[in-house]
Amino acid sequence: MNKVGIFGGSFNPVHKGHTELARAAFRSLKLQEMLIIPTAQSPHKEMTSVSFEDRMEMCRLAFEDDNNFTVSDIEGKLGGTSYTINTVRALKEIYPKNTEFYLIIGGDMLFYFDKWYRHEALLKECHVIAAARESDSYADMLECANELGRVKVLNLPVIEVSSTELREKIAKNEDTGDMLTEKVRAYIDERGLYCG
């Protein structure tokens, strides 16, 4: 059986909270591959002016040393609003039939997962794994997961990073060493991203 993780997000920008969570989930679930999938157009968030291509490239830089991690442009190819159910079904057309997909979501997303587009169908298409963060109540997450069914909660070592705070630091040209890898920060500075 081929076990493939799906870790999606706006990655605006991709930061150490993302990379550490993805690596921890990869190890914990004993996956063969982890797909990092930047959202083309999120149904949940307003996107800033940073392009899909720039966010793809930042993800490549953040994960380029991990041979088991693949940055996928599948949502860019699908076009339109990025709904996870469509992404998973498109991946199933590409991968062998014996592949099992594990969708990794943050604890914050678990609490409104029932508002996701066709969430019940999504639960049937893949395993949903919610990663608890320090600010989330583990007991509340377990209760929510039980109500949804077929959702597993993992207590992973997660670095808390606020993307909004991070973008503000970049705009002020402040140090982000505890939030961003050097390669991603260098790319941001070179491209003049998040400068306001």
N, C-alpha and C. Protein backbone atom coordinates (compact mmCIF):
# COMPACT_ATOMS: atom_id res chain seq x y z
N MET A 1 0.84 -1.20 0.00
CA MET A 1 0.00 0.00 0.00
C MET A 1 0.87 1.25 0.00
N ASN A 2 0.53 2.18 -0.84
CA ASN A 2 1.26 3.44 -0.96
C ASN A 2 0.57 4.51 -0.11
N LYS A 3 1.27 5.06 0.87
CA LYS A 3 0.66 6.06 1.76
C LYS A 3 1.21 7.44 1.42
N VAL A 4 0.33 8.31 0.97
CA VAL A 4 0.72 9.64 0.52
C VAL A 4 0.00 10.71 1.33
N GLY A 5 0.76 11.64 1.87
CA GLY A 5 0.20 12.75 2.62
C GLY A 5 -0.12 13.93 1.72
N ILE A 6 -1.15 14.68 2.08
CA ILE A 6 -1.51 15.92 1.37
C ILE A 6 -1.49 17.04 2.40
N PHE A 7 -0.62 18.00 2.17
CA PHE A 7 -0.53 19.15 3.07
C PHE A 7 -0.69 20.41 2.23
N GLY A 8 -1.89 20.99 2.29
CA GLY A 8 -2.18 22.15 1.47
C GLY A 8 -2.29 23.41 2.30
N GLY A 9 -2.27 24.54 1.63
CA GLY A 9 -2.42 25.82 2.31
C GLY A 9 -2.09 26.96 1.38
N SER A 10 -2.35 28.15 1.84
CA SER A 10 -2.00 29.31 1.02
C SER A 10 -0.48 29.51 1.01
N PHE A 11 0.20 29.09 2.08
CA PHE A 11 1.66 29.22 2.19
C PHE A 11 2.10 30.63 1.78
N ASN A 12 1.59 31.59 2.53
CA ASN A 12 1.70 32.99 2.15
C ASN A 12 2.34 33.84 3.26
N PRO A 13 3.64 33.61 3.55
CA PRO A 13 4.58 32.67 2.92
C PRO A 13 4.66 31.36 3.69
N VAL A 14 5.33 30.36 3.10
CA VAL A 14 5.58 29.10 3.79
C VAL A 14 6.58 29.38 4.91
N HIS A 15 6.27 28.90 6.13
CA HIS A 15 7.14 29.21 7.27
C HIS A 15 7.48 27.94 8.05
N LYS A 16 8.26 28.11 9.12
CA LYS A 16 8.73 26.95 9.88
C LYS A 16 7.60 26.20 10.57
N GLY A 17 6.51 26.87 10.86
CA GLY A 17 5.34 26.17 11.40
C GLY A 17 4.84 25.14 10.41
N HIS A 18 4.82 25.52 9.12
CA HIS A 18 4.38 24.59 8.06
C HIS A 18 5.37 23.43 7.91
N THR A 19 6.66 23.77 7.79
CA THR A 19 7.66 22.74 7.48
C THR A 19 7.78 21.73 8.61
N GLU A 20 7.77 22.22 9.85
CA GLU A 20 7.92 21.30 10.99
C GLU A 20 6.68 20.41 11.14
N LEU A 21 5.51 20.95 10.92
CA LEU A 21 4.28 20.16 11.00
C LEU A 21 4.27 19.08 9.92
N ALA A 22 4.63 19.46 8.69
CA ALA A 22 4.64 18.50 7.58
C ALA A 22 5.62 17.35 7.86
N ARG A 23 6.81 17.69 8.38
CA ARG A 23 7.81 16.66 8.65
C ARG A 23 7.38 15.76 9.81
N ALA A 24 6.79 16.35 10.84
CA ALA A 24 6.33 15.56 11.98
C ALA A 24 5.21 14.61 11.56
N ALA A 25 4.28 15.08 10.75
CA ALA A 25 3.19 14.23 10.26
C ALA A 25 3.72 13.11 9.37
N PHE A 26 4.69 13.43 8.54
CA PHE A 26 5.30 12.44 7.65
C PHE A 26 5.89 11.28 8.47
N ARG A 27 6.62 11.64 9.54
CA ARG A 27 7.24 10.61 10.38
C ARG A 27 6.17 9.83 11.16
N SER A 28 5.24 10.54 11.76
CA SER A 28 4.24 9.91 12.63
C SER A 28 3.35 8.94 11.87
N LEU A 29 2.98 9.31 10.65
CA LEU A 29 2.06 8.48 9.85
C LEU A 29 2.78 7.43 9.00
N LYS A 30 4.14 7.49 9.01
CA LYS A 30 4.96 6.56 8.23
C LYS A 30 4.57 6.59 6.74
N LEU A 31 4.57 7.79 6.20
CA LEU A 31 4.18 7.98 4.80
C LEU A 31 5.35 7.68 3.86
N GLN A 32 5.00 7.37 2.60
CA GLN A 32 6.04 7.21 1.57
C GLN A 32 6.34 8.54 0.89
N GLU A 33 5.34 9.41 0.83
CA GLU A 33 5.51 10.70 0.15
C GLU A 33 4.59 11.73 0.79
N MET A 34 5.05 12.97 0.82
CA MET A 34 4.21 14.07 1.29
C MET A 34 4.09 15.09 0.16
N LEU A 35 2.85 15.37 -0.23
CA LEU A 35 2.60 16.38 -1.25
C LEU A 35 2.34 17.73 -0.58
N ILE A 36 3.10 18.73 -0.98
CA ILE A 36 2.89 20.09 -0.49
C ILE A 36 2.13 20.83 -1.60
N ILE A 37 0.91 21.26 -1.30
CA ILE A 37 0.04 21.78 -2.36
C ILE A 37 -0.41 23.20 -2.06
N PRO A 38 0.27 24.19 -2.66
CA PRO A 38 -0.19 25.58 -2.49
C PRO A 38 -1.56 25.78 -3.12
N THR A 39 -2.41 26.50 -2.43
CA THR A 39 -3.75 26.81 -2.92
C THR A 39 -3.68 27.84 -4.04
N ALA A 40 -4.41 27.58 -5.12
CA ALA A 40 -4.46 28.57 -6.19
C ALA A 40 -5.37 29.72 -5.78
N GLN A 41 -6.59 29.38 -5.36
CA GLN A 41 -7.54 30.39 -4.86
C GLN A 41 -8.34 29.77 -3.73
N SER A 42 -8.03 30.18 -2.50
CA SER A 42 -8.66 29.58 -1.33
C SER A 42 -10.12 30.00 -1.20
N PRO A 43 -11.01 29.06 -0.85
CA PRO A 43 -12.40 29.43 -0.57
C PRO A 43 -12.55 30.08 0.81
N HIS A 44 -11.48 29.96 1.64
CA HIS A 44 -11.57 30.43 3.03
C HIS A 44 -10.86 31.76 3.28
N LYS A 45 -9.88 32.09 2.45
CA LYS A 45 -9.07 33.28 2.73
C LYS A 45 -8.98 34.19 1.52
N GLU A 46 -8.87 35.48 1.81
CA GLU A 46 -8.55 36.45 0.75
C GLU A 46 -7.05 36.35 0.47
N MET A 47 -6.68 36.17 -0.76
CA MET A 47 -5.26 36.07 -1.09
C MET A 47 -4.66 37.47 -1.26
N THR A 48 -3.40 37.58 -0.89
CA THR A 48 -2.71 38.86 -1.10
C THR A 48 -2.18 38.88 -2.53
N SER A 49 -1.41 39.90 -2.85
CA SER A 49 -0.94 40.07 -4.22
C SER A 49 0.20 39.12 -4.59
N VAL A 50 0.64 38.29 -3.67
CA VAL A 50 1.73 37.36 -3.98
C VAL A 50 1.20 36.24 -4.87
N SER A 51 1.87 36.02 -5.99
CA SER A 51 1.35 35.10 -7.01
C SER A 51 1.47 33.63 -6.59
N PHE A 52 0.69 32.82 -7.26
CA PHE A 52 0.75 31.36 -7.08
C PHE A 52 2.16 30.86 -7.37
N GLU A 53 2.77 31.41 -8.43
CA GLU A 53 4.13 30.98 -8.83
C GLU A 53 5.15 31.29 -7.74
N ASP A 54 5.03 32.48 -7.13
CA ASP A 54 5.96 32.84 -6.05
C ASP A 54 5.76 31.93 -4.85
N ARG A 55 4.51 31.62 -4.52
CA ARG A 55 4.24 30.75 -3.38
C ARG A 55 4.72 29.32 -3.65
N MET A 56 4.60 28.88 -4.90
CA MET A 56 5.13 27.57 -5.31
C MET A 56 6.65 27.54 -5.10
N GLU A 57 7.31 28.58 -5.56
CA GLU A 57 8.78 28.61 -5.49
C GLU A 57 9.26 28.67 -4.04
N MET A 58 8.55 29.42 -3.19
CA MET A 58 8.93 29.45 -1.78
C MET A 58 8.80 28.07 -1.15
N CYS A 59 7.74 27.34 -1.52
CA CYS A 59 7.57 25.98 -1.01
C CYS A 59 8.69 25.06 -1.50
N ARG A 60 9.08 25.20 -2.76
CA ARG A 60 10.18 24.38 -3.29
C ARG A 60 11.46 24.63 -2.48
N LEU A 61 11.73 25.89 -2.20
CA LEU A 61 12.93 26.24 -1.44
C LEU A 61 12.86 25.70 -0.02
N ALA A 62 11.68 25.75 0.59
CA ALA A 62 11.51 25.31 1.98
C ALA A 62 11.67 23.80 2.13
N PHE A 63 11.30 23.05 1.09
CA PHE A 63 11.30 21.59 1.20
C PHE A 63 12.32 20.91 0.28
N GLU A 64 13.21 21.67 -0.35
CA GLU A 64 14.06 21.08 -1.38
C GLU A 64 15.05 20.04 -0.84
N ASP A 65 15.32 20.05 0.45
CA ASP A 65 16.25 19.07 1.02
C ASP A 65 15.57 17.77 1.44
N ASP A 66 14.26 17.69 1.27
CA ASP A 66 13.49 16.49 1.65
C ASP A 66 13.08 15.72 0.40
N ASN A 67 13.75 14.60 0.16
CA ASN A 67 13.49 13.83 -1.06
C ASN A 67 12.10 13.23 -1.11
N ASN A 68 11.47 13.03 0.05
CA ASN A 68 10.13 12.43 0.09
C ASN A 68 9.01 13.46 0.00
N PHE A 69 9.40 14.73 -0.15
CA PHE A 69 8.42 15.80 -0.24
C PHE A 69 8.36 16.33 -1.67
N THR A 70 7.14 16.47 -2.19
CA THR A 70 6.93 16.96 -3.55
C THR A 70 6.02 18.18 -3.52
N VAL A 71 6.48 19.27 -4.09
CA VAL A 71 5.63 20.46 -4.19
C VAL A 71 4.83 20.34 -5.48
N SER A 72 3.51 20.33 -5.35
CA SER A 72 2.62 20.07 -6.50
C SER A 72 1.87 21.34 -6.92
N ASP A 73 1.78 21.53 -8.23
CA ASP A 73 1.03 22.67 -8.77
C ASP A 73 -0.36 22.24 -9.24
N ILE A 74 -0.86 21.14 -8.69
CA ILE A 74 -2.12 20.57 -9.18
C ILE A 74 -3.29 21.56 -9.06
N GLU A 75 -3.32 22.37 -8.00
CA GLU A 75 -4.45 23.30 -7.85
C GLU A 75 -4.34 24.45 -8.84
N GLY A 76 -3.13 24.80 -9.23
CA GLY A 76 -2.95 25.79 -10.29
C GLY A 76 -3.46 25.25 -11.62
N LYS A 77 -3.21 23.97 -11.87
CA LYS A 77 -3.67 23.34 -13.12
C LYS A 77 -5.19 23.17 -13.13
N LEU A 78 -5.76 22.85 -11.96
CA LEU A 78 -7.22 22.68 -11.91
C LEU A 78 -7.95 24.00 -12.14
N GLY A 79 -7.34 25.10 -11.68
CA GLY A 79 -7.92 26.44 -11.87
C GLY A 79 -9.15 26.68 -11.01
N GLY A 80 -9.57 27.92 -10.96
CA GLY A 80 -10.75 28.30 -10.18
C GLY A 80 -10.51 28.20 -8.69
N THR A 81 -11.59 28.22 -7.92
CA THR A 81 -11.49 28.09 -6.47
C THR A 81 -11.00 26.69 -6.11
N SER A 82 -10.04 26.63 -5.19
CA SER A 82 -9.42 25.35 -4.83
C SER A 82 -10.22 24.64 -3.75
N TYR A 83 -10.98 23.64 -4.17
CA TYR A 83 -11.73 22.82 -3.21
C TYR A 83 -10.98 21.50 -3.02
N THR A 84 -10.75 21.12 -1.77
CA THR A 84 -9.92 19.95 -1.48
C THR A 84 -10.48 18.67 -2.08
N ILE A 85 -11.80 18.52 -2.12
CA ILE A 85 -12.40 17.32 -2.69
C ILE A 85 -11.99 17.14 -4.15
N ASN A 86 -11.93 18.25 -4.89
CA ASN A 86 -11.53 18.19 -6.30
C ASN A 86 -10.05 17.83 -6.44
N THR A 87 -9.24 18.37 -5.53
CA THR A 87 -7.80 18.08 -5.55
C THR A 87 -7.55 16.60 -5.28
N VAL A 88 -8.20 16.06 -4.26
CA VAL A 88 -8.01 14.65 -3.91
C VAL A 88 -8.45 13.75 -5.06
N ARG A 89 -9.57 14.06 -5.66
CA ARG A 89 -10.06 13.23 -6.77
C ARG A 89 -9.13 13.31 -7.98
N ALA A 90 -8.56 14.49 -8.22
CA ALA A 90 -7.61 14.63 -9.32
C ALA A 90 -6.34 13.83 -9.04
N LEU A 91 -5.90 13.82 -7.79
CA LEU A 91 -4.71 13.03 -7.42
C LEU A 91 -4.97 11.54 -7.59
N LYS A 92 -6.18 11.10 -7.30
CA LYS A 92 -6.52 9.68 -7.43
C LYS A 92 -6.47 9.22 -8.89
N GLU A 93 -6.64 10.16 -9.81
CA GLU A 93 -6.54 9.83 -11.24
C GLU A 93 -5.08 9.61 -11.64
N ILE A 94 -4.16 10.21 -10.87
CA ILE A 94 -2.73 10.19 -11.21
C ILE A 94 -2.00 9.03 -10.54
N TYR A 95 -2.36 8.77 -9.28
CA TYR A 95 -1.63 7.77 -8.49
C TYR A 95 -2.19 6.37 -8.67
N PRO A 96 -1.37 5.34 -8.37
CA PRO A 96 -1.85 3.95 -8.47
C PRO A 96 -3.08 3.71 -7.59
N LYS A 97 -3.86 2.72 -7.96
CA LYS A 97 -5.13 2.44 -7.27
C LYS A 97 -4.93 2.09 -5.79
N ASN A 98 -3.76 1.52 -5.45
CA ASN A 98 -3.55 1.09 -4.06
C ASN A 98 -3.05 2.22 -3.16
N THR A 99 -3.12 3.47 -3.63
CA THR A 99 -2.64 4.61 -2.85
C THR A 99 -3.70 5.06 -1.85
N GLU A 100 -3.28 5.25 -0.61
CA GLU A 100 -4.16 5.83 0.41
C GLU A 100 -3.67 7.23 0.71
N PHE A 101 -4.60 8.18 0.71
CA PHE A 101 -4.24 9.58 0.92
C PHE A 101 -4.59 10.01 2.34
N TYR A 102 -3.68 10.79 2.92
CA TYR A 102 -3.83 11.31 4.28
C TYR A 102 -3.79 12.83 4.21
N LEU A 103 -4.93 13.45 4.44
CA LEU A 103 -5.03 14.91 4.38
C LEU A 103 -4.67 15.48 5.75
N ILE A 104 -3.63 16.30 5.79
CA ILE A 104 -3.16 16.89 7.04
C ILE A 104 -3.75 18.30 7.17
N ILE A 105 -4.47 18.54 8.25
CA ILE A 105 -5.02 19.88 8.48
C ILE A 105 -4.62 20.36 9.87
N GLY A 106 -4.56 21.67 10.04
CA GLY A 106 -4.26 22.24 11.34
C GLY A 106 -5.46 22.14 12.26
N GLY A 107 -5.19 22.18 13.56
CA GLY A 107 -6.27 22.07 14.54
C GLY A 107 -7.33 23.14 14.36
N ASP A 108 -6.90 24.33 13.94
CA ASP A 108 -7.86 25.42 13.77
C ASP A 108 -8.88 25.10 12.68
N MET A 109 -8.44 24.36 11.66
CA MET A 109 -9.35 24.02 10.54
C MET A 109 -10.35 22.93 10.92
N LEU A 110 -9.97 22.09 11.88
CA LEU A 110 -10.84 21.00 12.27
C LEU A 110 -12.20 21.51 12.76
N PHE A 111 -12.18 22.63 13.49
CA PHE A 111 -13.40 23.12 14.12
C PHE A 111 -14.42 23.68 13.13
N TYR A 112 -13.98 23.98 11.90
CA TYR A 112 -14.99 24.36 10.90
C TYR A 112 -14.92 23.45 9.66
N PHE A 113 -14.38 22.24 9.88
CA PHE A 113 -14.29 21.29 8.78
C PHE A 113 -15.67 20.94 8.22
N ASP A 114 -16.69 20.95 9.08
CA ASP A 114 -18.04 20.62 8.60
C ASP A 114 -18.61 21.70 7.67
N LYS A 115 -17.91 22.84 7.55
CA LYS A 115 -18.33 23.90 6.62
C LYS A 115 -17.60 23.79 5.28
N TRP A 116 -16.63 22.90 5.20
CA TRP A 116 -15.89 22.72 3.95
C TRP A 116 -16.83 22.21 2.86
N TYR A 117 -16.50 22.57 1.63
CA TYR A 117 -17.26 22.12 0.47
C TYR A 117 -17.21 20.58 0.38
N ARG A 118 -18.38 19.96 0.44
CA ARG A 118 -18.54 18.51 0.32
C ARG A 118 -17.65 17.74 1.31
N HIS A 119 -17.66 18.19 2.55
CA HIS A 119 -16.76 17.59 3.56
C HIS A 119 -17.08 16.11 3.82
N GLU A 120 -18.35 15.72 3.72
CA GLU A 120 -18.70 14.33 3.98
C GLU A 120 -18.13 13.41 2.89
N ALA A 121 -18.16 13.89 1.66
CA ALA A 121 -17.56 13.12 0.56
C ALA A 121 -16.04 13.05 0.74
N LEU A 122 -15.46 14.13 1.21
CA LEU A 122 -14.01 14.19 1.42
C LEU A 122 -13.57 13.16 2.47
N LEU A 123 -14.37 13.01 3.51
CA LEU A 123 -14.05 12.03 4.56
C LEU A 123 -14.03 10.60 4.02
N LYS A 124 -14.80 10.36 2.97
CA LYS A 124 -14.83 9.03 2.36
C LYS A 124 -13.67 8.82 1.38
N GLU A 125 -13.16 9.92 0.85
CA GLU A 125 -12.11 9.84 -0.18
C GLU A 125 -10.71 9.69 0.41
N CYS A 126 -10.50 10.14 1.65
CA CYS A 126 -9.17 10.11 2.24
C CYS A 126 -9.24 10.10 3.76
N HIS A 127 -8.11 9.80 4.39
CA HIS A 127 -8.01 9.90 5.84
C HIS A 127 -7.75 11.37 6.18
N VAL A 128 -8.46 11.91 7.14
CA VAL A 128 -8.24 13.29 7.55
C VAL A 128 -7.51 13.27 8.90
N ILE A 129 -6.37 13.94 8.93
CA ILE A 129 -5.52 13.97 10.12
C ILE A 129 -5.43 15.42 10.60
N ALA A 130 -5.88 15.66 11.81
CA ALA A 130 -5.82 17.01 12.39
C ALA A 130 -4.66 17.07 13.36
N ALA A 131 -3.82 18.08 13.21
CA ALA A 131 -2.65 18.25 14.08
C ALA A 131 -2.96 19.27 15.16
N ALA A 132 -2.88 18.82 16.39
CA ALA A 132 -3.15 19.71 17.52
C ALA A 132 -1.99 20.68 17.73
N ARG A 133 -2.30 21.93 17.93
CA ARG A 133 -1.30 22.94 18.26
C ARG A 133 -1.46 23.32 19.73
N GLU A 134 -0.46 23.97 20.28
CA GLU A 134 -0.50 24.30 21.71
C GLU A 134 -1.74 25.11 22.07
N SER A 135 -2.16 26.00 21.17
CA SER A 135 -3.30 26.87 21.47
C SER A 135 -4.64 26.15 21.35
N ASP A 136 -4.62 24.94 20.75
CA ASP A 136 -5.86 24.18 20.61
C ASP A 136 -6.06 23.28 21.82
N SER A 137 -7.29 23.08 22.20
CA SER A 137 -7.60 22.13 23.27
C SER A 137 -7.68 20.73 22.69
N TYR A 138 -6.79 19.86 23.14
CA TYR A 138 -6.75 18.50 22.62
C TYR A 138 -8.08 17.78 22.86
N ALA A 139 -8.65 17.97 24.05
CA ALA A 139 -9.93 17.32 24.37
C ALA A 139 -11.04 17.81 23.45
N ASP A 140 -11.08 19.12 23.17
CA ASP A 140 -12.09 19.67 22.26
C ASP A 140 -11.92 19.12 20.85
N MET A 141 -10.64 18.97 20.44
CA MET A 141 -10.36 18.43 19.10
C MET A 141 -10.83 16.98 18.99
N LEU A 142 -10.56 16.19 20.02
CA LEU A 142 -11.00 14.79 20.00
C LEU A 142 -12.51 14.69 19.91
N GLU A 143 -13.20 15.54 20.65
CA GLU A 143 -14.66 15.55 20.62
C GLU A 143 -15.17 15.91 19.22
N CYS A 144 -14.56 16.93 18.63
CA CYS A 144 -14.95 17.36 17.28
C CYS A 144 -14.67 16.25 16.26
N ALA A 145 -13.52 15.61 16.39
CA ALA A 145 -13.15 14.52 15.47
C ALA A 145 -14.12 13.35 15.59
N ASN A 146 -14.54 13.05 16.81
CA ASN A 146 -15.49 11.96 17.03
C ASN A 146 -16.84 12.27 16.39
N GLU A 147 -17.24 13.53 16.46
CA GLU A 147 -18.51 13.93 15.85
C GLU A 147 -18.47 13.80 14.33
N LEU A 148 -17.33 14.16 13.75
CA LEU A 148 -17.18 14.09 12.30
C LEU A 148 -17.03 12.65 11.83
N GLY A 149 -16.34 11.84 12.62
CA GLY A 149 -16.04 10.47 12.22
C GLY A 149 -14.87 10.46 11.24
N ARG A 150 -14.10 9.39 11.24
CA ARG A 150 -12.97 9.18 10.33
C ARG A 150 -11.96 10.33 10.33
N VAL A 151 -11.84 11.01 11.44
CA VAL A 151 -10.80 12.02 11.61
C VAL A 151 -9.92 11.60 12.77
N LYS A 152 -8.61 11.58 12.53
CA LYS A 152 -7.66 11.23 13.59
C LYS A 152 -6.95 12.50 14.05
N VAL A 153 -6.78 12.63 15.36
CA VAL A 153 -6.07 13.79 15.91
C VAL A 153 -4.68 13.36 16.35
N LEU A 154 -3.66 14.04 15.84
CA LEU A 154 -2.28 13.77 16.23
C LEU A 154 -1.77 14.92 17.08
N ASN A 155 -1.12 14.58 18.17
CA ASN A 155 -0.51 15.61 19.00
C ASN A 155 0.94 15.75 18.56
N LEU A 156 1.20 16.67 17.67
CA LEU A 156 2.53 16.83 17.08
C LEU A 156 3.23 18.07 17.63
N PRO A 157 4.56 18.05 17.66
CA PRO A 157 5.29 19.26 18.08
C PRO A 157 5.18 20.33 16.98
N VAL A 158 4.37 21.33 17.22
CA VAL A 158 4.08 22.33 16.19
C VAL A 158 4.57 23.71 16.64
N ILE A 159 5.25 24.39 15.73
CA ILE A 159 5.70 25.76 16.00
C ILE A 159 4.56 26.71 15.63
N GLU A 160 4.17 27.54 16.56
CA GLU A 160 3.10 28.51 16.31
C GLU A 160 3.67 29.72 15.56
N VAL A 161 3.18 29.98 14.38
CA VAL A 161 3.60 31.15 13.61
C VAL A 161 2.35 31.84 13.06
N SER A 162 2.24 33.13 13.30
CA SER A 162 1.15 33.91 12.72
C SER A 162 1.62 34.46 11.38
N SER A 163 0.93 34.05 10.29
CA SER A 163 1.32 34.53 8.96
C SER A 163 1.17 36.04 8.85
N THR A 164 0.14 36.58 9.49
CA THR A 164 -0.08 38.03 9.46
C THR A 164 1.08 38.76 10.14
N GLU A 165 1.46 38.27 11.32
CA GLU A 165 2.58 38.87 12.05
C GLU A 165 3.87 38.74 11.25
N LEU A 166 4.05 37.60 10.62
CA LEU A 166 5.24 37.35 9.82
C LEU A 166 5.34 38.33 8.65
N ARG A 167 4.22 38.53 7.95
CA ARG A 167 4.23 39.47 6.81
C ARG A 167 4.53 40.89 7.28
N GLU A 168 4.02 41.24 8.46
CA GLU A 168 4.29 42.57 9.02
C GLU A 168 5.78 42.74 9.33
N LYS A 169 6.40 41.70 9.86
CA LYS A 169 7.84 41.74 10.17
C LYS A 169 8.66 41.92 8.89
N ILE A 170 8.25 41.19 7.84
CA ILE A 170 8.97 41.31 6.56
C ILE A 170 8.82 42.72 6.02
N ALA A 171 7.61 43.28 6.08
CA ALA A 171 7.36 44.64 5.58
C ALA A 171 8.23 45.66 6.31
N LYS A 172 8.51 45.41 7.60
CA LYS A 172 9.35 46.32 8.39
C LYS A 172 10.83 45.95 8.32
N ASN A 173 11.15 44.94 7.49
CA ASN A 173 12.51 44.45 7.32
C ASN A 173 13.12 43.97 8.65
N GLU A 174 12.29 43.34 9.48
CA GLU A 174 12.77 42.82 10.77
C GLU A 174 13.26 41.38 10.60
N ASP A 175 14.00 40.91 11.59
CA ASP A 175 14.55 39.56 11.58
C ASP A 175 13.41 38.52 11.68
N THR A 176 13.47 37.50 10.83
CA THR A 176 12.45 36.44 10.83
C THR A 176 13.09 35.06 10.94
N GLY A 177 14.31 35.02 11.47
CA GLY A 177 15.05 33.76 11.53
C GLY A 177 14.36 32.65 12.29
N ASP A 178 13.52 33.02 13.26
CA ASP A 178 12.80 32.00 14.02
C ASP A 178 11.52 31.54 13.31
N MET A 179 11.17 32.21 12.22
CA MET A 179 9.92 31.90 11.51
C MET A 179 10.14 31.37 10.09
N LEU A 180 11.19 31.87 9.43
CA LEU A 180 11.43 31.51 8.03
C LEU A 180 12.81 30.89 7.85
N THR A 181 12.93 29.99 6.86
CA THR A 181 14.26 29.51 6.50
C THR A 181 15.00 30.62 5.76
N GLU A 182 16.32 30.54 5.77
CA GLU A 182 17.14 31.57 5.11
C GLU A 182 16.83 31.66 3.62
N LYS A 183 16.64 30.51 3.00
CA LYS A 183 16.39 30.49 1.54
C LYS A 183 15.08 31.18 1.19
N VAL A 184 14.05 30.93 1.99
CA VAL A 184 12.75 31.56 1.72
C VAL A 184 12.84 33.06 1.95
N ARG A 185 13.49 33.48 3.02
CA ARG A 185 13.63 34.92 3.29
C ARG A 185 14.43 35.60 2.19
N ALA A 186 15.49 34.95 1.72
CA ALA A 186 16.31 35.52 0.63
C ALA A 186 15.47 35.70 -0.63
N TYR A 187 14.62 34.72 -0.93
CA TYR A 187 13.75 34.80 -2.11
C TYR A 187 12.77 35.96 -1.97
N ILE A 188 12.18 36.09 -0.77
CA ILE A 188 11.23 37.17 -0.51
C ILE A 188 11.89 38.53 -0.70
N ASP A 189 13.09 38.68 -0.16
CA ASP A 189 13.81 39.96 -0.27
C ASP A 189 14.20 40.25 -1.71
N GLU A 190 14.64 39.20 -2.41
CA GLU A 190 15.05 39.37 -3.80
C GLU A 190 13.88 39.79 -4.69
N ARG A 191 12.71 39.24 -4.41
CA ARG A 191 11.52 39.53 -5.22
C ARG A 191 10.74 40.74 -4.70
N GLY A 192 11.12 41.24 -3.52
CA GLY A 192 10.41 42.40 -2.95
C GLY A 192 8.99 42.07 -2.54
N LEU A 193 8.77 40.84 -2.04
CA LEU A 193 7.43 40.43 -1.64
C LEU A 193 7.08 40.98 -0.26
N TYR A 194 5.82 41.22 -0.03
CA TYR A 194 5.26 41.68 1.26
C TYR A 194 5.80 43.05 1.70
N CYS A 195 6.22 43.82 0.74
CA CYS A 195 6.79 45.12 1.10
C CYS A 195 5.72 46.21 1.25
N GLY A 196 4.47 45.84 1.04
CA GLY A 196 3.39 46.80 1.24
C GLY A 196 2.96 47.46 -0.05
